[in-house]
Structures are given as C-alpha cells and as structure tokens.
Amino acid sequence: MSFKPYDKLKMEATFWLARRLPPCTELIPIISQSLERRWTLRERVMMRLHFLYCEYCLRYLKQLHFMRDSARLGAEKIQDTATTSTPDLSEEASARLKRALTSRSE
C-alpha cells in the first residue's frame, strides 16, 4: 500500500500533534465540564486540536450535549403537562382517595 506524499505528511503531522497534546484520559474531565462551564481559550484550542485526530472524544462531547439537550426538552414537556393537564379533583373524589389510602395503611 503506497501513500501519496500529502497523505504521508498529514499522517506525520497527526502523530506529531498527538504526541504533544494530553491523552484522552486527561481530557475527558474537561469535556465533561463543558456542560457546566465555558472552556478557557487554552482548553478550546487544545480540544480543537485533539478533535482533529480523536473521533472518540468528539463523539463523547456530542453525546453529552445530546443527553443534556434531551433532558432539558423532557423536563420542559413534563413541566408543561403537569401544569396544564392535571385537573383538580372534586371533593367527592378527593374524599374517596383519602378513605382508600387510610384503609390501606391500617
């Protein structure tokens, strides 16, 4: 398998960069913190360079943000349905519910 000169140069540059940046194990906590705070300029540059050769860390970042966004949407939907679609019980229904709960606890 022969490489074109550009491909070989690109591969060498990637290896050079990978040797000089922190490994994934050191960057995972910083990636996780992106949900709670903004990265510093140094962290942003380091992450961008790391993402050039590490698709797994980039995928992890995307999954974290997807889960956060999904949880927010889910919480909003739950809150909306809880405030709009829960009718008040009539006094008769409320009394039946209280009787049923007290009879079970005895």
C-alpha atoms as a PDB file:
ATOM      1  CA  MET A   1       0.000   0.000   0.000  1.00  0.00           C
ATOM      2  CA  SER A   2       1.632   3.234  -1.068  1.00  0.00           C
ATOM      3  CA  PHE A   3       0.796   6.639   0.327  1.00  0.00           C
ATOM      4  CA  LYS A   4       0.669   9.844  -1.634  1.00  0.00           C
ATOM      5  CA  PRO A   5       3.112  12.493  -0.352  1.00  0.00           C
ATOM      6  CA  TYR A   6       0.227  14.591   1.020  1.00  0.00           C
ATOM      7  CA  ASP A   7      -1.265  11.644   2.916  1.00  0.00           C
ATOM      8  CA  LYS A   8       2.094  10.772   4.443  1.00  0.00           C
ATOM      9  CA  LEU A   9       2.650  14.381   5.515  1.00  0.00           C
ATOM     10  CA  LYS A  10      -0.848  14.542   7.005  1.00  0.00           C
ATOM     11  CA  MET A  11      -0.279  11.307   8.917  1.00  0.00           C
ATOM     12  CA  GLU A  12       3.078  12.513  10.247  1.00  0.00           C
ATOM     13  CA  ALA A  13       1.546  15.828  11.339  1.00  0.00           C
ATOM     14  CA  THR A  14      -1.233  13.953  13.131  1.00  0.00           C
ATOM     15  CA  PHE A  15       1.246  11.771  15.008  1.00  0.00           C
ATOM     16  CA  TRP A  16       3.366  14.796  15.896  1.00  0.00           C
ATOM     17  CA  LEU A  17       0.308  16.571  17.267  1.00  0.00           C
ATOM     18  CA  ALA A  18      -0.895  13.502  19.172  1.00  0.00           C
ATOM     19  CA  ARG A  19       2.450  13.173  20.956  1.00  0.00           C
ATOM     20  CA  ARG A  20       2.352  16.783  22.161  1.00  0.00           C
ATOM     21  CA  LEU A  21      -1.231  17.022  23.404  1.00  0.00           C
ATOM     22  CA  PRO A  22      -2.569  15.459  26.598  1.00  0.00           C
ATOM     23  CA  PRO A  23      -4.077  11.978  26.214  1.00  0.00           C
ATOM     24  CA  CYS A  24      -7.807  11.310  26.174  1.00  0.00           C
ATOM     25  CA  THR A  25      -7.835  10.272  29.842  1.00  0.00           C
ATOM     26  CA  GLU A  26      -6.747  13.768  30.856  1.00  0.00           C
ATOM     27  CA  LEU A  27      -9.194  15.489  28.523  1.00  0.00           C
ATOM     28  CA  ILE A  28     -12.350  13.536  29.425  1.00  0.00           C
ATOM     29  CA  PRO A  29     -12.938  15.532  32.662  1.00  0.00           C
ATOM     30  CA  ILE A  30     -12.559  18.786  30.735  1.00  0.00           C
ATOM     31  CA  ILE A  31     -15.024  17.550  28.117  1.00  0.00           C
ATOM     32  CA  SER A  32     -17.496  16.663  30.883  1.00  0.00           C
ATOM     33  CA  GLN A  33     -17.090  20.105  32.440  1.00  0.00           C
ATOM     34  CA  SER A  34     -18.225  21.687  29.185  1.00  0.00           C
ATOM     35  CA  LEU A  35     -21.789  21.087  30.388  1.00  0.00           C
ATOM     36  CA  GLU A  36     -21.227  23.259  33.447  1.00  0.00           C
ATOM     37  CA  ARG A  37     -18.860  25.980  32.303  1.00  0.00           C
ATOM     38  CA  ARG A  38     -17.257  27.513  29.245  1.00  0.00           C
ATOM     39  CA  TRP A  39     -13.798  26.325  28.320  1.00  0.00           C
ATOM     40  CA  THR A  40     -10.897  28.703  28.650  1.00  0.00           C
ATOM     41  CA  LEU A  41      -9.131  29.788  25.466  1.00  0.00           C
ATOM     42  CA  ARG A  42      -6.307  27.327  26.147  1.00  0.00           C
ATOM     43  CA  GLU A  43      -8.781  24.467  26.663  1.00  0.00           C
ATOM     44  CA  ARG A  44     -10.699  25.350  23.484  1.00  0.00           C
ATOM     45  CA  VAL A  45      -7.539  25.326  21.395  1.00  0.00           C
ATOM     46  CA  MET A  46      -6.336  22.109  22.977  1.00  0.00           C
ATOM     47  CA  MET A  47      -9.719  20.428  22.389  1.00  0.00           C
ATOM     48  CA  ARG A  48      -9.976  21.569  18.780  1.00  0.00           C
ATOM     49  CA  LEU A  49      -6.527  20.188  18.050  1.00  0.00           C
ATOM     50  CA  HIS A  50      -7.314  16.959  19.905  1.00  0.00           C
ATOM     51  CA  PHE A  51     -10.563  16.524  17.948  1.00  0.00           C
ATOM     52  CA  LEU A  52      -8.583  16.659  14.695  1.00  0.00           C
ATOM     53  CA  TYR A  53      -7.217  13.196  15.352  1.00  0.00           C
ATOM     54  CA  CYS A  54      -9.519  11.717  18.006  1.00  0.00           C
ATOM     55  CA  GLU A  55     -13.018  10.970  16.788  1.00  0.00           C
ATOM     56  CA  TYR A  56     -13.892   9.186  20.038  1.00  0.00           C
ATOM     57  CA  CYS A  57     -13.547  12.281  22.225  1.00  0.00           C
ATOM     58  CA  LEU A  58     -15.512  14.326  19.702  1.00  0.00           C
ATOM     59  CA  ARG A  59     -18.246  11.686  19.731  1.00  0.00           C
ATOM     60  CA  TYR A  60     -18.266  11.732  23.543  1.00  0.00           C
ATOM     61  CA  LEU A  61     -18.705  15.529  23.538  1.00  0.00           C
ATOM     62  CA  LYS A  62     -21.582  15.297  21.058  1.00  0.00           C
ATOM     63  CA  GLN A  63     -23.266  12.562  23.113  1.00  0.00           C
ATOM     64  CA  LEU A  64     -23.004  14.602  26.313  1.00  0.00           C
ATOM     65  CA  HIS A  65     -24.583  17.620  24.671  1.00  0.00           C
ATOM     66  CA  PHE A  66     -27.295  15.459  23.113  1.00  0.00           C
ATOM     67  CA  MET A  67     -28.175  13.954  26.508  1.00  0.00           C
ATOM     68  CA  ARG A  68     -28.243  17.394  28.141  1.00  0.00           C
ATOM     69  CA  ASP A  69     -30.477  18.832  25.440  1.00  0.00           C
ATOM     70  CA  SER A  70     -32.786  15.805  25.560  1.00  0.00           C
ATOM     71  CA  ALA A  71     -33.093  16.050  29.329  1.00  0.00           C
ATOM     72  CA  ARG A  72     -33.953  19.742  29.067  1.00  0.00           C
ATOM     73  CA  LEU A  73     -36.627  19.089  26.459  1.00  0.00           C
ATOM     74  CA  GLY A  74     -38.034  16.225  28.503  1.00  0.00           C
ATOM     75  CA  ALA A  75     -38.152  18.350  31.647  1.00  0.00           C
ATOM     76  CA  GLU A  76     -39.931  21.149  29.781  1.00  0.00           C
ATOM     77  CA  LYS A  77     -42.527  18.731  28.401  1.00  0.00           C
ATOM     78  CA  ILE A  78     -43.110  17.198  31.824  1.00  0.00           C
ATOM     79  CA  GLN A  79     -43.458  20.624  33.397  1.00  0.00           C
ATOM     80  CA  ASP A  80     -45.863  21.784  30.677  1.00  0.00           C
ATOM     81  CA  THR A  81     -48.096  18.736  31.010  1.00  0.00           C
ATOM     82  CA  ALA A  82     -48.022  18.870  34.790  1.00  0.00           C
ATOM     83  CA  THR A  83     -49.218  22.478  34.910  1.00  0.00           C
ATOM     84  CA  THR A  84     -51.797  22.340  32.114  1.00  0.00           C
ATOM     85  CA  SER A  85     -53.365  18.895  32.049  1.00  0.00           C
ATOM     86  CA  THR A  86     -53.875  17.986  35.702  1.00  0.00           C
ATOM     87  CA  PRO A  87     -57.434  18.830  36.597  1.00  0.00           C
ATOM     88  CA  ASP A  88     -58.386  19.446  40.208  1.00  0.00           C
ATOM     89  CA  LEU A  89     -60.197  16.595  41.876  1.00  0.00           C
ATOM     90  CA  SER A  90     -63.719  17.079  43.030  1.00  0.00           C
ATOM     91  CA  GLU A  91     -64.293  16.992  46.778  1.00  0.00           C
ATOM     92  CA  GLU A  92     -66.044  13.651  46.445  1.00  0.00           C
ATOM     93  CA  ALA A  93     -63.121  12.095  44.532  1.00  0.00           C
ATOM     94  CA  SER A  94     -60.639  13.573  46.986  1.00  0.00           C
ATOM     95  CA  ALA A  95     -62.581  12.084  49.929  1.00  0.00           C
ATOM     96  CA  ARG A  96     -62.683   8.637  48.241  1.00  0.00           C
ATOM     97  CA  LEU A  97     -58.944   8.810  47.655  1.00  0.00           C
ATOM     98  CA  LYS A  98     -58.284   9.709  51.299  1.00  0.00           C
ATOM     99  CA  ARG A  99     -60.506   6.846  52.521  1.00  0.00           C
ATOM    100  CA  ALA A 100     -58.740   4.380  50.237  1.00  0.00           C
ATOM    101  CA  LEU A 101     -55.293   5.499  51.388  1.00  0.00           C
ATOM    102  CA  THR A 102     -56.160   5.415  55.096  1.00  0.00           C
ATOM    103  CA  SER A 103     -57.798   1.993  54.853  1.00  0.00           C
ATOM    104  CA  ARG A 104     -54.685   0.533  53.222  1.00  0.00           C
ATOM    105  CA  SER A 105     -52.319   1.978  55.792  1.00  0.00           C
ATOM    106  CA  GLU A 106     -54.212   0.404  58.728  1.00  0.00           C
END
